[in-house]
Amino acid sequence: MKVINLMEQIVEDVLVEHWNNLRLPCDCEICKNDVLALALNALPTRYVSNDKGRMIVQARMMNEQYQADVLRELSRAACVVAVKPSHTSENS
């Protein structure tokens, strides 16, 4: 296993699960990636280098506050992207 930021996987999974609830005017990959990037920049990184570290981070993710933090940042990011997408409507 190489060193990975497990927060990327966690946030991406939550984004996929809640994408329809975010109700963005555009559902292209560019907008999804922009939401993901903005949310990840606002959340703490969680680097792990082995399965034990992965299990510890995933156990912490069961905490309701942790889950709320991820959803909050995804919602904030979605609002930013909805107002000002990084592409023109022809590119979506």
Protein backbone atom coordinates (compact mmCIF):
# COMPACT_ATOMS: atom_id res chain seq x y z
CA MET A 1 0.00 0.00 0.00
CA LYS A 2 1.30 3.43 -0.84
CA VAL A 3 0.59 6.54 1.24
CA ILE A 4 -2.82 7.93 0.32
CA ASN A 5 -5.09 10.74 1.46
CA LEU A 6 -8.08 8.67 2.55
CA MET A 7 -10.17 11.84 2.78
CA GLU A 8 -10.29 11.86 -1.05
CA GLN A 9 -12.06 8.50 -1.14
CA ILE A 10 -14.37 9.40 1.74
CA VAL A 11 -15.45 12.73 0.24
CA GLU A 12 -15.85 11.24 -3.23
CA ASP A 13 -18.08 8.47 -1.82
CA VAL A 14 -20.22 11.00 0.06
CA LEU A 15 -20.43 13.19 -3.04
CA VAL A 16 -21.67 10.29 -5.16
CA GLU A 17 -24.20 9.36 -2.49
CA HIS A 18 -25.55 12.91 -2.11
CA TRP A 19 -25.01 14.35 -5.61
CA ASN A 20 -28.73 14.58 -6.45
CA ASN A 21 -29.45 16.35 -3.16
CA LEU A 22 -26.99 19.13 -4.05
CA ARG A 23 -29.16 20.13 -7.05
CA LEU A 24 -26.53 21.79 -9.16
CA PRO A 25 -27.70 23.19 -12.50
CA CYS A 26 -24.98 21.13 -14.23
CA ASP A 27 -24.02 17.53 -13.54
CA CYS A 28 -20.96 17.27 -15.78
CA GLU A 29 -17.64 15.77 -14.64
CA ILE A 30 -16.03 19.21 -14.55
CA CYS A 31 -18.57 20.49 -12.01
CA LYS A 32 -18.38 17.28 -9.95
CA ASN A 33 -14.60 17.51 -9.83
CA ASP A 34 -14.74 21.20 -8.92
CA VAL A 35 -17.10 20.44 -6.01
CA LEU A 36 -14.82 17.61 -4.90
CA ALA A 37 -11.68 19.77 -5.09
CA LEU A 38 -13.22 22.70 -3.21
CA ALA A 39 -14.52 20.44 -0.45
CA LEU A 40 -11.20 18.63 -0.12
CA ASN A 41 -9.33 21.92 0.16
CA ALA A 42 -11.55 22.88 3.11
CA LEU A 43 -11.25 19.56 4.95
CA PRO A 44 -8.25 18.16 6.83
CA THR A 45 -6.15 15.58 5.03
CA ARG A 46 -6.10 12.04 6.39
CA TYR A 47 -3.02 10.30 5.07
CA VAL A 48 -2.67 6.61 5.78
CA SER A 49 0.14 4.22 4.97
CA ASN A 50 -1.34 0.90 6.00
CA ASP A 51 -4.59 -0.95 6.67
CA LYS A 52 -4.49 -0.12 10.38
CA GLY A 53 -4.45 3.59 9.60
CA ARG A 54 -7.27 3.10 7.09
CA MET A 55 -9.41 1.38 9.72
CA ILE A 56 -8.75 4.14 12.27
CA VAL A 57 -9.79 6.89 9.84
CA GLN A 58 -12.85 4.95 8.71
CA ALA A 59 -13.87 4.38 12.33
CA ARG A 60 -13.59 8.12 13.00
CA MET A 61 -15.78 8.73 9.96
CA MET A 62 -18.60 6.96 11.79
CA ASN A 63 -18.75 9.98 14.12
CA GLU A 64 -21.80 12.10 13.23
CA GLN A 65 -19.86 15.37 13.52
CA TYR A 66 -17.23 14.11 11.09
CA GLN A 67 -19.94 13.17 8.58
CA ALA A 68 -21.65 16.54 9.08
CA ASP A 69 -18.36 18.34 8.39
CA VAL A 70 -17.95 16.52 5.08
CA LEU A 71 -21.54 17.24 4.03
CA ARG A 72 -21.22 20.89 5.06
CA GLU A 73 -18.12 21.37 2.92
CA LEU A 74 -19.69 19.57 -0.02
CA SER A 75 -22.74 21.83 0.26
CA ARG A 76 -20.58 24.95 0.41
CA ALA A 77 -18.56 23.81 -2.57
CA ALA A 78 -21.72 23.01 -4.53
CA CYS A 79 -23.04 26.53 -3.91
CA VAL A 80 -19.81 28.04 -5.23
CA VAL A 81 -19.80 25.86 -8.34
CA ALA A 82 -23.52 26.45 -8.99
CA VAL A 83 -23.02 30.21 -8.97
CA LYS A 84 -19.81 30.24 -10.97
CA PRO A 85 -19.01 27.03 -12.87
CA SER A 86 -15.51 26.82 -14.31
CA HIS A 87 -16.84 26.24 -17.83
CA THR A 88 -19.27 27.84 -20.23
CA SER A 89 -22.65 26.22 -20.78
CA GLU A 90 -21.49 24.94 -24.19
CA ASN A 91 -18.73 22.91 -22.53
CA SER A 92 -20.93 21.02 -20.08
